[in-house]
């Protein structure tokens, strides 16, 4: 009986820890447009050219590269963008479109990015990978 109680307590603790960890990462990635003949997938260190539109959960747009006509260029995995992008854009193909729902801890956190992004905000990005530039390995 005592062994059963210990096993039950361990299962409850493991379940709580698993739920806490799942809630913490919480990044949701939806593929909106797949690429059939993908020749190269994005990886850490690649320079990516992206078009994007960022909104809050209520649909309020806070930024978009599309009206500017110039894709946003950055190095994946280097900390140049929020963590939700560094994680959510891995394994993408040129021409692929994704919808990222990024929890606050992988976005701008409790501070936000005033005045458009309040603290604690979940962010929604519609993204399209235009081009991958990869340095050739020696």
Protein backbone atom coordinates (compact mmCIF):
# COMPACT_ATOMS: atom_id res chain seq x y z
CA UNK A 1 0.00 0.00 0.00
CA UNK A 2 2.85 2.35 0.85
CA UNK A 3 4.57 1.59 -2.47
CA UNK A 4 1.34 2.40 -4.30
CA UNK A 5 1.13 5.78 -2.53
CA UNK A 6 4.74 6.59 -3.47
CA UNK A 7 4.14 5.62 -7.11
CA UNK A 8 0.99 7.73 -7.23
CA UNK A 9 2.83 10.72 -5.77
CA UNK A 10 5.62 10.33 -8.35
CA UNK A 11 3.10 10.15 -11.20
CA UNK A 12 1.32 13.29 -9.99
CA UNK A 13 4.64 15.16 -9.64
CA UNK A 14 5.76 14.07 -13.12
CA UNK A 15 2.43 15.12 -14.60
CA UNK A 16 2.64 18.56 -12.97
CA UNK A 17 6.22 19.04 -14.17
CA UNK A 18 5.29 17.95 -17.69
CA UNK A 19 2.35 20.38 -17.77
CA UNK A 20 4.51 23.23 -16.49
CA UNK A 21 7.18 22.60 -19.11
CA UNK A 22 4.65 22.27 -21.92
CA UNK A 23 3.00 25.54 -20.89
CA UNK A 24 6.36 27.28 -20.77
CA UNK A 25 7.43 26.43 -24.31
CA UNK A 26 3.95 26.80 -25.78
CA UNK A 27 5.15 27.75 -29.29
CA UNK A 28 2.58 26.72 -31.89
CA UNK A 29 3.63 26.30 -35.51
CA UNK A 30 1.09 25.93 -38.30
CA UNK A 31 2.18 25.28 -41.87
CA UNK A 32 -0.04 27.37 -44.16
CA UNK A 33 1.71 26.53 -47.46
CA UNK A 34 3.99 23.55 -48.00
CA UNK A 35 6.69 23.32 -50.65
CA UNK A 36 6.65 20.07 -52.61
CA UNK A 37 10.22 20.00 -53.91
CA UNK A 38 12.19 21.47 -51.00
CA UNK A 39 15.87 21.61 -51.89
CA UNK A 40 17.11 23.19 -48.64
CA UNK A 41 15.60 23.61 -45.17
CA UNK A 42 16.52 26.49 -42.90
CA UNK A 43 18.93 25.80 -40.06
CA UNK A 44 20.87 27.70 -37.42
CA UNK A 45 23.39 30.07 -39.00
CA UNK A 46 21.44 30.60 -42.23
CA UNK A 47 20.60 34.12 -43.36
CA UNK A 48 16.85 34.22 -43.97
CA UNK A 49 14.83 36.73 -46.00
CA UNK A 50 11.28 36.75 -44.63
CA UNK A 51 8.03 38.55 -45.22
CA UNK A 52 5.87 38.73 -42.10
CA UNK A 53 2.86 40.29 -40.48
CA UNK A 54 2.72 40.42 -36.68
CA UNK A 55 -0.51 40.77 -34.71
CA UNK A 56 -1.67 40.52 -31.14
CA UNK A 57 -4.15 37.78 -30.24
CA UNK A 58 -7.05 40.20 -30.79
CA UNK A 59 -5.92 40.76 -34.39
CA UNK A 60 -4.33 44.20 -33.87
CA UNK A 61 -1.44 44.47 -36.33
CA UNK A 62 1.78 45.82 -34.83
CA UNK A 63 4.21 45.36 -37.73
CA UNK A 64 4.53 44.02 -41.27
CA UNK A 65 7.28 43.87 -43.86
CA UNK A 66 4.79 43.62 -46.72
CA UNK A 67 3.83 47.32 -47.09
CA UNK A 68 7.53 48.24 -47.01
CA UNK A 69 8.16 45.86 -49.91
CA UNK A 70 11.46 44.67 -48.45
CA UNK A 71 11.81 41.29 -46.75
CA UNK A 72 13.36 41.25 -43.29
CA UNK A 73 16.83 39.66 -43.33
CA UNK A 74 18.49 38.10 -40.24
CA UNK A 75 20.65 35.17 -39.17
CA UNK A 76 18.63 32.29 -37.72
CA UNK A 77 19.64 31.12 -34.25
CA UNK A 78 21.91 34.08 -33.51
CA UNK A 79 19.59 35.96 -31.13
CA UNK A 80 18.85 38.74 -33.64
CA UNK A 81 15.12 38.02 -33.35
CA UNK A 82 12.79 36.84 -30.60
CA UNK A 83 13.20 33.24 -29.42
CA UNK A 84 9.87 32.24 -30.95
CA UNK A 85 11.25 33.08 -34.40
CA UNK A 86 14.61 31.37 -33.79
CA UNK A 87 12.69 28.20 -32.87
CA UNK A 88 9.64 28.49 -35.13
CA UNK A 89 11.49 29.11 -38.40
CA UNK A 90 13.81 26.08 -38.21
CA UNK A 91 13.31 23.53 -40.99
CA UNK A 92 11.49 25.89 -43.36
CA UNK A 93 11.74 25.76 -47.15
CA UNK A 94 11.89 28.71 -49.52
CA UNK A 95 8.31 29.60 -50.45
CA UNK A 96 6.85 27.99 -47.31
CA UNK A 97 4.35 29.94 -45.22
CA UNK A 98 3.78 29.41 -41.51
CA UNK A 99 1.65 30.81 -38.72
CA UNK A 100 3.52 31.14 -35.43
CA UNK A 101 1.67 31.67 -32.15
CA UNK A 102 4.37 32.79 -29.74
CA UNK A 103 3.85 32.95 -25.98
CA UNK A 104 5.18 35.96 -24.12
CA UNK A 105 8.24 34.16 -22.72
CA UNK A 106 9.43 33.45 -26.29
CA UNK A 107 8.49 36.97 -27.42
CA UNK A 108 8.96 40.23 -25.56
CA UNK A 109 8.15 38.94 -22.06
CA UNK A 110 6.58 40.95 -19.28
CA UNK A 111 8.10 44.21 -20.53
CA UNK A 112 6.60 44.01 -24.00
CA UNK A 113 7.77 46.40 -26.70
CA UNK A 114 5.88 49.65 -26.07
CA UNK A 115 3.88 51.28 -27.39
CA UNK A 116 2.51 48.58 -29.72
CA UNK A 117 3.20 45.35 -27.82
CA UNK A 118 2.02 45.21 -24.19
CA UNK A 119 3.81 43.18 -21.54
CA UNK A 120 2.81 39.54 -21.40
CA UNK A 121 1.42 39.56 -24.95
CA UNK A 122 1.08 36.42 -27.04
CA UNK A 123 2.17 37.22 -30.59
CA UNK A 124 0.84 35.83 -33.86
CA UNK A 125 3.01 35.96 -36.98
CA UNK A 126 2.13 35.03 -40.54
CA UNK A 127 5.53 34.43 -42.16
CA UNK A 128 6.82 33.50 -45.61
CA UNK A 129 10.39 32.39 -46.25
CA UNK A 130 11.55 34.17 -49.39
CA UNK A 131 15.21 33.10 -49.52
CA UNK A 132 17.82 31.08 -47.59
CA UNK A 133 21.45 32.14 -47.86
CA UNK A 134 23.88 29.60 -46.46
CA UNK A 135 27.62 29.90 -46.17
CA UNK A 136 29.31 26.97 -47.81
CA UNK A 137 31.12 24.67 -45.41
CA UNK A 138 34.86 24.21 -45.86
